[in-house]
Amino acid sequence: MNAHAFINFVLDPEVGKAIAATIQYATGNGKAREISDEKYKTNPAIFPPPEVIAKCEPSLYLGEEATKVRDEMWTRIQAA
């Protein structure tokens, strides 16, 4: 019962707005985003413009072996 009350609390648009403003992270709560300050909604660090998104590369899970190879490569890069 408390879990449901907490979820309902967090999903309240005003609460979602406050959480997003505090952590400076994009909210999945559409109503919270609608009522957020313009400064939050136009922050390119939170909502990158399309030209930045176009340069991004998604990270896909390619299985355990590929993850090991990627981790090893990243460790070598950091150690260089």
PDB file of N, CA and C in Angstrom:
ATOM      1  N   MET A   1       0.820  -1.183   0.000  1.00  0.00           N
ATOM      2  CA  MET A   1       0.000   0.000   0.000  1.00  0.00           C
ATOM      3  C   MET A   1       0.873   1.260   0.000  1.00  0.00           C
ATOM      4  N   ASN A   2       1.937   1.263   0.789  1.00  0.00           N
ATOM      5  CA  ASN A   2       2.834   2.416   0.808  1.00  0.00           C
ATOM      6  C   ASN A   2       3.529   2.596  -0.531  1.00  0.00           C
ATOM      7  N   ALA A   3       3.842   1.492  -1.204  1.00  0.00           N
ATOM      8  CA  ALA A   3       4.497   1.578  -2.504  1.00  0.00           C
ATOM      9  C   ALA A   3       3.588   2.293  -3.505  1.00  0.00           C
ATOM     10  N   HIS A   4       2.311   1.964  -3.483  1.00  0.00           N
ATOM     11  CA  HIS A   4       1.354   2.622  -4.381  1.00  0.00           C
ATOM     12  C   HIS A   4       1.241   4.110  -4.055  1.00  0.00           C
ATOM     13  N   ALA A   5       1.224   4.434  -2.794  1.00  0.00           N
ATOM     14  CA  ALA A   5       1.144   5.840  -2.385  1.00  0.00           C
ATOM     15  C   ALA A   5       2.388   6.594  -2.848  1.00  0.00           C
ATOM     16  N   PHE A   6       3.548   5.964  -2.740  1.00  0.00           N
ATOM     17  CA  PHE A   6       4.789   6.605  -3.179  1.00  0.00           C
ATOM     18  C   PHE A   6       4.781   6.818  -4.694  1.00  0.00           C
ATOM     19  N   ILE A   7       4.380   5.797  -5.439  1.00  0.00           N
ATOM     20  CA  ILE A   7       4.322   5.918  -6.903  1.00  0.00           C
ATOM     21  C   ILE A   7       3.358   7.026  -7.306  1.00  0.00           C
ATOM     22  N   ASN A   8       2.204   7.065  -6.673  1.00  0.00           N
ATOM     23  CA  ASN A   8       1.241   8.129  -6.972  1.00  0.00           C
ATOM     24  C   ASN A   8       1.821   9.496  -6.647  1.00  0.00           C
ATOM     25  N   PHE A   9       2.564   9.586  -5.564  1.00  0.00           N
ATOM     26  CA  PHE A   9       3.207  10.843  -5.177  1.00  0.00           C
ATOM     27  C   PHE A   9       4.209  11.284  -6.235  1.00  0.00           C
ATOM     28  N   VAL A  10       5.078  10.372  -6.641  1.00  0.00           N
ATOM     29  CA  VAL A  10       6.123  10.695  -7.608  1.00  0.00           C
ATOM     30  C   VAL A  10       5.525  11.046  -8.972  1.00  0.00           C
ATOM     31  N   LEU A  11       4.407  10.443  -9.330  1.00  0.00           N
ATOM     32  CA  LEU A  11       3.779  10.713 -10.618  1.00  0.00           C
ATOM     33  C   LEU A  11       2.960  11.997 -10.637  1.00  0.00           C
ATOM     34  N   ASP A  12       2.752  12.614  -9.505  1.00  0.00           N
ATOM     35  CA  ASP A  12       2.051  13.897  -9.471  1.00  0.00           C
ATOM     36  C   ASP A  12       2.877  14.907 -10.272  1.00  0.00           C
ATOM     37  N   PRO A  13       2.257  15.642 -11.205  1.00  0.00           N
ATOM     38  CA  PRO A  13       3.023  16.566 -12.049  1.00  0.00           C
ATOM     39  C   PRO A  13       3.851  17.590 -11.276  1.00  0.00           C
ATOM     40  N   GLU A  14       3.320  18.147 -10.215  1.00  0.00           N
ATOM     41  CA  GLU A  14       4.085  19.137  -9.439  1.00  0.00           C
ATOM     42  C   GLU A  14       5.307  18.500  -8.784  1.00  0.00           C
ATOM     43  N   VAL A  15       5.134  17.296  -8.287  1.00  0.00           N
ATOM     44  CA  VAL A  15       6.256  16.589  -7.666  1.00  0.00           C
ATOM     45  C   VAL A  15       7.270  16.201  -8.738  1.00  0.00           C
ATOM     46  N   GLY A  16       6.791  15.701  -9.869  1.00  0.00           N
ATOM     47  CA  GLY A  16       7.684  15.352 -10.967  1.00  0.00           C
ATOM     48  C   GLY A  16       8.474  16.547 -11.464  1.00  0.00           C
ATOM     49  N   LYS A  17       7.819  17.699 -11.512  1.00  0.00           N
ATOM     50  CA  LYS A  17       8.495  18.939 -11.906  1.00  0.00           C
ATOM     51  C   LYS A  17       9.618  19.257 -10.925  1.00  0.00           C
ATOM     52  N   ALA A  18       9.342  19.154  -9.647  1.00  0.00           N
ATOM     53  CA  ALA A  18      10.349  19.445  -8.619  1.00  0.00           C
ATOM     54  C   ALA A  18      11.514  18.455  -8.683  1.00  0.00           C
ATOM     55  N   ILE A  19      11.212  17.193  -8.884  1.00  0.00           N
ATOM     56  CA  ILE A  19      12.265  16.179  -8.978  1.00  0.00           C
ATOM     57  C   ILE A  19      13.161  16.468 -10.184  1.00  0.00           C
ATOM     58  N   ALA A  20      12.551  16.713 -11.336  1.00  0.00           N
ATOM     59  CA  ALA A  20      13.317  16.971 -12.555  1.00  0.00           C
ATOM     60  C   ALA A  20      14.169  18.225 -12.410  1.00  0.00           C
ATOM     61  N   ALA A  21      13.627  19.254 -11.801  1.00  0.00           N
ATOM     62  CA  ALA A  21      14.384  20.495 -11.610  1.00  0.00           C
ATOM     63  C   ALA A  21      15.554  20.285 -10.654  1.00  0.00           C
ATOM     64  N   THR A  22      15.370  19.431  -9.671  1.00  0.00           N
ATOM     65  CA  THR A  22      16.420  19.181  -8.689  1.00  0.00           C
ATOM     66  C   THR A  22      17.553  18.358  -9.276  1.00  0.00           C
ATOM     67  N   ILE A  23      17.211  17.276  -9.975  1.00  0.00           N
ATOM     68  CA  ILE A  23      18.262  16.397 -10.493  1.00  0.00           C
ATOM     69  C   ILE A  23      18.772  16.833 -11.859  1.00  0.00           C
ATOM     70  N   GLN A  24      18.078  17.798 -12.498  1.00  0.00           N
ATOM     71  CA  GLN A  24      18.483  18.295 -13.811  1.00  0.00           C
ATOM     72  C   GLN A  24      18.612  17.152 -14.819  1.00  0.00           C
ATOM     73  N   TYR A  25      17.546  16.363 -14.892  1.00  0.00           N
ATOM     74  CA  TYR A  25      17.495  15.221 -15.784  1.00  0.00           C
ATOM     75  C   TYR A  25      16.149  15.237 -16.479  1.00  0.00           C
ATOM     76  N   ALA A  26      16.075  14.735 -17.690  1.00  0.00           N
ATOM     77  CA  ALA A  26      14.818  14.722 -18.428  1.00  0.00           C
ATOM     78  C   ALA A  26      13.785  13.866 -17.710  1.00  0.00           C
ATOM     79  N   THR A  27      12.594  14.393 -17.609  1.00  0.00           N
ATOM     80  CA  THR A  27      11.513  13.651 -16.978  1.00  0.00           C
ATOM     81  C   THR A  27      10.696  12.912 -18.032  1.00  0.00           C
ATOM     82  N   GLY A  28      10.245  11.740 -17.684  1.00  0.00           N
ATOM     83  CA  GLY A  28       9.347  10.992 -18.551  1.00  0.00           C
ATOM     84  C   GLY A  28       7.897  11.343 -18.297  1.00  0.00           C
ATOM     85  N   ASN A  29       7.676  12.216 -17.326  1.00  0.00           N
ATOM     86  CA  ASN A  29       6.328  12.638 -16.961  1.00  0.00           C
ATOM     87  C   ASN A  29       5.957  13.839 -17.834  1.00  0.00           C
ATOM     88  N   GLY A  30       5.149  13.589 -18.865  1.00  0.00           N
ATOM     89  CA  GLY A  30       4.784  14.632 -19.817  1.00  0.00           C
ATOM     90  C   GLY A  30       4.123  15.839 -19.182  1.00  0.00           C
ATOM     91  N   LYS A  31       3.245  15.608 -18.227  1.00  0.00           N
ATOM     92  CA  LYS A  31       2.568  16.729 -17.566  1.00  0.00           C
ATOM     93  C   LYS A  31       3.545  17.547 -16.735  1.00  0.00           C
ATOM     94  N   ALA A  32       4.494  16.885 -16.097  1.00  0.00           N
ATOM     95  CA  ALA A  32       5.509  17.598 -15.321  1.00  0.00           C
ATOM     96  C   ALA A  32       6.353  18.460 -16.239  1.00  0.00           C
ATOM     97  N   ARG A  33       6.691  17.933 -17.400  1.00  0.00           N
ATOM     98  CA  ARG A  33       7.491  18.717 -18.349  1.00  0.00           C
ATOM     99  C   ARG A  33       6.704  19.920 -18.857  1.00  0.00           C
ATOM    100  N   GLU A  34       5.423  19.729 -19.127  1.00  0.00           N
ATOM    101  CA  GLU A  34       4.579  20.828 -19.606  1.00  0.00           C
ATOM    102  C   GLU A  34       4.573  22.007 -18.647  1.00  0.00           C
ATOM    103  N   ILE A  35       4.540  21.721 -17.348  1.00  0.00           N
ATOM    104  CA  ILE A  35       4.433  22.805 -16.365  1.00  0.00           C
ATOM    105  C   ILE A  35       5.788  23.277 -15.845  1.00  0.00           C
ATOM    106  N   SER A  36       6.864  22.686 -16.372  1.00  0.00           N
ATOM    107  CA  SER A  36       8.208  23.082 -15.939  1.00  0.00           C
ATOM    108  C   SER A  36       8.570  24.456 -16.483  1.00  0.00           C
ATOM    109  N   ASP A  37       9.537  25.077 -15.824  1.00  0.00           N
ATOM    110  CA  ASP A  37      10.023  26.382 -16.249  1.00  0.00           C
ATOM    111  C   ASP A  37      10.641  26.286 -17.642  1.00  0.00           C
ATOM    112  N   GLU A  38      10.584  27.376 -18.366  1.00  0.00           N
ATOM    113  CA  GLU A  38      11.156  27.432 -19.716  1.00  0.00           C
ATOM    114  C   GLU A  38      12.662  27.161 -19.685  1.00  0.00           C
ATOM    115  N   LYS A  39      13.326  27.621 -18.633  1.00  0.00           N
ATOM    116  CA  LYS A  39      14.771  27.412 -18.490  1.00  0.00           C
ATOM    117  C   LYS A  39      15.091  25.914 -18.477  1.00  0.00           C
ATOM    118  N   TYR A  40      14.257  25.119 -17.806  1.00  0.00           N
ATOM    119  CA  TYR A  40      14.436  23.665 -17.759  1.00  0.00           C
ATOM    120  C   TYR A  40      14.154  23.060 -19.132  1.00  0.00           C
ATOM    121  N   LYS A  41      13.051  23.440 -19.745  1.00  0.00           N
ATOM    122  CA  LYS A  41      12.626  22.845 -21.010  1.00  0.00           C
ATOM    123  C   LYS A  41      13.569  23.160 -22.168  1.00  0.00           C
ATOM    124  N   THR A  42      14.321  24.248 -22.059  1.00  0.00           N
ATOM    125  CA  THR A  42      15.223  24.632 -23.155  1.00  0.00           C
ATOM    126  C   THR A  42      16.689  24.386 -22.814  1.00  0.00           C
ATOM    127  N   ASN A  43      16.960  23.681 -21.724  1.00  0.00           N
ATOM    128  CA  ASN A  43      18.340  23.395 -21.329  1.00  0.00           C
ATOM    129  C   ASN A  43      18.918  22.329 -22.266  1.00  0.00           C
ATOM    130  N   PRO A  44      19.917  22.686 -23.095  1.00  0.00           N
ATOM    131  CA  PRO A  44      20.455  21.728 -24.049  1.00  0.00           C
ATOM    132  C   PRO A  44      21.222  20.571 -23.400  1.00  0.00           C
ATOM    133  N   ALA A  45      21.618  20.730 -22.144  1.00  0.00           N
ATOM    134  CA  ALA A  45      22.276  19.622 -21.449  1.00  0.00           C
ATOM    135  C   ALA A  45      21.257  18.548 -21.063  1.00  0.00           C
ATOM    136  N   ILE A  46      20.005  18.943 -20.902  1.00  0.00           N
ATOM    137  CA  ILE A  46      18.944  17.995 -20.557  1.00  0.00           C
ATOM    138  C   ILE A  46      18.248  17.500 -21.819  1.00  0.00           C
ATOM    139  N   PHE A  47      17.969  18.413 -22.720  1.00  0.00           N
ATOM    140  CA  PHE A  47      17.287  18.097 -23.971  1.00  0.00           C
ATOM    141  C   PHE A  47      18.167  18.558 -25.134  1.00  0.00           C
ATOM    142  N   PRO A  48      19.139  17.728 -25.550  1.00  0.00           N
ATOM    143  CA  PRO A  48      20.058  18.133 -26.619  1.00  0.00           C
ATOM    144  C   PRO A  48      19.311  18.442 -27.914  1.00  0.00           C
ATOM    145  N   PRO A  49      19.816  19.426 -28.662  1.00  0.00           N
ATOM    146  CA  PRO A  49      19.186  19.753 -29.933  1.00  0.00           C
ATOM    147  C   PRO A  49      19.388  18.627 -30.954  1.00  0.00           C
ATOM    148  N   PRO A  50      18.560  18.602 -31.993  1.00  0.00           N
ATOM    149  CA  PRO A  50      18.632  17.515 -32.985  1.00  0.00           C
ATOM    150  C   PRO A  50      20.013  17.335 -33.607  1.00  0.00           C
ATOM    151  N   GLU A  51      20.755  18.423 -33.821  1.00  0.00           N
ATOM    152  CA  GLU A  51      22.077  18.273 -34.443  1.00  0.00           C
ATOM    153  C   GLU A  51      23.058  17.550 -33.519  1.00  0.00           C
ATOM    154  N   VAL A  52      22.860  17.625 -32.226  1.00  0.00           N
ATOM    155  CA  VAL A  52      23.697  16.886 -31.279  1.00  0.00           C
ATOM    156  C   VAL A  52      23.252  15.427 -31.236  1.00  0.00           C
ATOM    157  N   ILE A  53      21.958  15.210 -31.184  1.00  0.00           N
ATOM    158  CA  ILE A  53      21.420  13.841 -31.172  1.00  0.00           C
ATOM    159  C   ILE A  53      21.881  13.084 -32.423  1.00  0.00           C
ATOM    160  N   ALA A  54      21.932  13.771 -33.562  1.00  0.00           N
ATOM    161  CA  ALA A  54      22.343  13.131 -34.815  1.00  0.00           C
ATOM    162  C   ALA A  54      23.769  12.604 -34.750  1.00  0.00           C
ATOM    163  N   LYS A  55      24.598  13.189 -33.883  1.00  0.00           N
ATOM    164  CA  LYS A  55      25.997  12.763 -33.756  1.00  0.00           C
ATOM    165  C   LYS A  55      26.178  11.657 -32.717  1.00  0.00           C
ATOM    166  N   CYS A  56      25.115  11.328 -32.016  1.00  0.00           N
ATOM    167  CA  CYS A  56      25.205  10.338 -30.938  1.00  0.00           C
ATOM    168  C   CYS A  56      25.140   8.918 -31.492  1.00  0.00           C
ATOM    169  N   GLU A  57      25.685   8.028 -30.722  1.00  0.00           N
ATOM    170  CA  GLU A  57      25.668   6.623 -31.086  1.00  0.00           C
ATOM    171  C   GLU A  57      24.962   5.855 -29.980  1.00  0.00           C
ATOM    172  N   PRO A  58      23.928   5.099 -30.331  1.00  0.00           N
ATOM    173  CA  PRO A  58      23.235   4.341 -29.286  1.00  0.00           C
ATOM    174  C   PRO A  58      24.112   3.204 -28.771  1.00  0.00           C
ATOM    175  N   SER A  59      23.919   2.867 -27.540  1.00  0.00           N
ATOM    176  CA  SER A  59      24.636   1.745 -26.950  1.00  0.00           C
ATOM    177  C   SER A  59      23.668   0.570 -26.871  1.00  0.00           C
ATOM    178  N   LEU A  60      23.943  -0.448 -27.637  1.00  0.00           N
ATOM    179  CA  LEU A  60      23.078  -1.618 -27.673  1.00  0.00           C
ATOM    180  C   LEU A  60      23.742  -2.774 -26.943  1.00  0.00           C
ATOM    181  N   TYR A  61      22.934  -3.568 -26.271  1.00  0.00           N
ATOM    182  CA  TYR A  61      23.468  -4.752 -25.622  1.00  0.00           C
ATOM    183  C   TYR A  61      23.684  -5.816 -26.686  1.00  0.00           C
ATOM    184  N   LEU A  62      24.932  -6.200 -26.893  1.00  0.00           N
ATOM    185  CA  LEU A  62      25.269  -7.155 -27.935  1.00  0.00           C
ATOM    186  C   LEU A  62      25.660  -8.514 -27.378  1.00  0.00           C
ATOM    187  N   GLY A  63      25.392  -8.718 -26.121  1.00  0.00           N
ATOM    188  CA  GLY A  63      25.707  -9.995 -25.502  1.00  0.00           C
ATOM    189  C   GLY A  63      26.903  -9.894 -24.573  1.00  0.00           C
ATOM    190  N   GLU A  64      27.092 -10.937 -23.805  1.00  0.00           N
ATOM    191  CA  GLU A  64      28.136 -10.944 -22.780  1.00  0.00           C
ATOM    192  C   GLU A  64      29.543 -10.848 -23.369  1.00  0.00           C
ATOM    193  N   GLU A  65      29.808 -11.560 -24.438  1.00  0.00           N
ATOM    194  CA  GLU A  65      31.156 -11.549 -25.026  1.00  0.00           C
ATOM    195  C   GLU A  65      31.495 -10.162 -25.578  1.00  0.00           C
ATOM    196  N   ALA A  66      30.560  -9.542 -26.268  1.00  0.00           N
ATOM    197  CA  ALA A  66      30.796  -8.202 -26.811  1.00  0.00           C
ATOM    198  C   ALA A  66      30.985  -7.194 -25.686  1.00  0.00           C
ATOM    199  N   THR A  67      30.271  -7.374 -24.594  1.00  0.00           N
ATOM    200  CA  THR A  67      30.414  -6.477 -23.445  1.00  0.00           C
ATOM    201  C   THR A  67      31.811  -6.607 -22.849  1.00  0.00           C
ATOM    202  N   LYS A  68      32.326  -7.831 -22.765  1.00  0.00           N
ATOM    203  CA  LYS A  68      33.685  -8.042 -22.252  1.00  0.00           C
ATOM    204  C   LYS A  68      34.714  -7.347 -23.146  1.00  0.00           C
ATOM    205  N   VAL A  69      34.535  -7.473 -24.456  1.00  0.00           N
ATOM    206  CA  VAL A  69      35.462  -6.833 -25.404  1.00  0.00           C
ATOM    207  C   VAL A  69      35.386  -5.314 -25.261  1.00  0.00           C
ATOM    208  N   ARG A  70      34.189  -4.770 -25.188  1.00  0.00           N
ATOM    209  CA  ARG A  70      34.023  -3.322 -25.039  1.00  0.00           C
ATOM    210  C   ARG A  70      34.655  -2.843 -23.730  1.00  0.00           C
ATOM    211  N   ASP A  71      34.440  -3.573 -22.656  1.00  0.00           N
ATOM    212  CA  ASP A  71      35.035  -3.202 -21.363  1.00  0.00           C
ATOM    213  C   ASP A  71      36.556  -3.221 -21.423  1.00  0.00           C
ATOM    214  N   GLU A  72      37.108  -4.223 -22.080  1.00  0.00           N
ATOM    215  CA  GLU A  72      38.555  -4.326 -22.214  1.00  0.00           C
ATOM    216  C   GLU A  72      39.113  -3.156 -23.033  1.00  0.00           C
ATOM    217  N   MET A  73      38.436  -2.824 -24.125  1.00  0.00           N
ATOM    218  CA  MET A  73      38.877  -1.696 -24.951  1.00  0.00           C
ATOM    219  C   MET A  73      38.816  -0.391 -24.156  1.00  0.00           C
ATOM    220  N   TRP A  74      37.748  -0.193 -23.407  1.00  0.00           N
ATOM    221  CA  TRP A  74      37.602   1.039 -22.626  1.00  0.00           C
ATOM    222  C   TRP A  74      38.664   1.113 -21.538  1.00  0.00           C
ATOM    223  N   THR A  75      38.988  -0.016 -20.919  1.00  0.00           N
ATOM    224  CA  THR A  75      40.043  -0.050 -19.903  1.00  0.00           C
ATOM    225  C   THR A  75      41.377   0.335 -20.524  1.00  0.00           C
ATOM    226  N   ARG A  76      41.669  -0.158 -21.726  1.00  0.00           N
ATOM    227  CA  ARG A  76      42.922   0.191 -22.403  1.00  0.00           C
ATOM    228  C   ARG A  76      42.984   1.684 -22.761  1.00  0.00           C
ATOM    229  N   ILE A  77      41.848   2.218 -23.191  1.00  0.00           N
ATOM    230  CA  ILE A  77      41.784   3.649 -23.514  1.00  0.00           C
ATOM    231  C   ILE A  77      42.077   4.494 -22.275  1.00  0.00           C
ATOM    232  N   GLN A  78      41.438   4.139 -21.164  1.00  0.00           N
ATOM    233  CA  GLN A  78      41.620   4.911 -19.924  1.00  0.00           C
ATOM    234  C   GLN A  78      43.043   4.783 -19.384  1.00  0.00           C
ATOM    235  N   ALA A  79      43.658   3.629 -19.603  1.00  0.00           N
ATOM    236  CA  ALA A  79      45.003   3.395 -19.076  1.00  0.00           C
ATOM    237  C   ALA A  79      46.083   4.052 -19.929  1.00  0.00           C
ATOM    238  N   ALA A  80      45.729   4.434 -21.136  1.00  0.00           N
ATOM    239  CA  ALA A  80      46.732   5.007 -22.059  1.00  0.00           C
ATOM    240  C   ALA A  80      47.187   6.383 -21.606  1.00  0.00           C
TER     241      ALA A  80
END
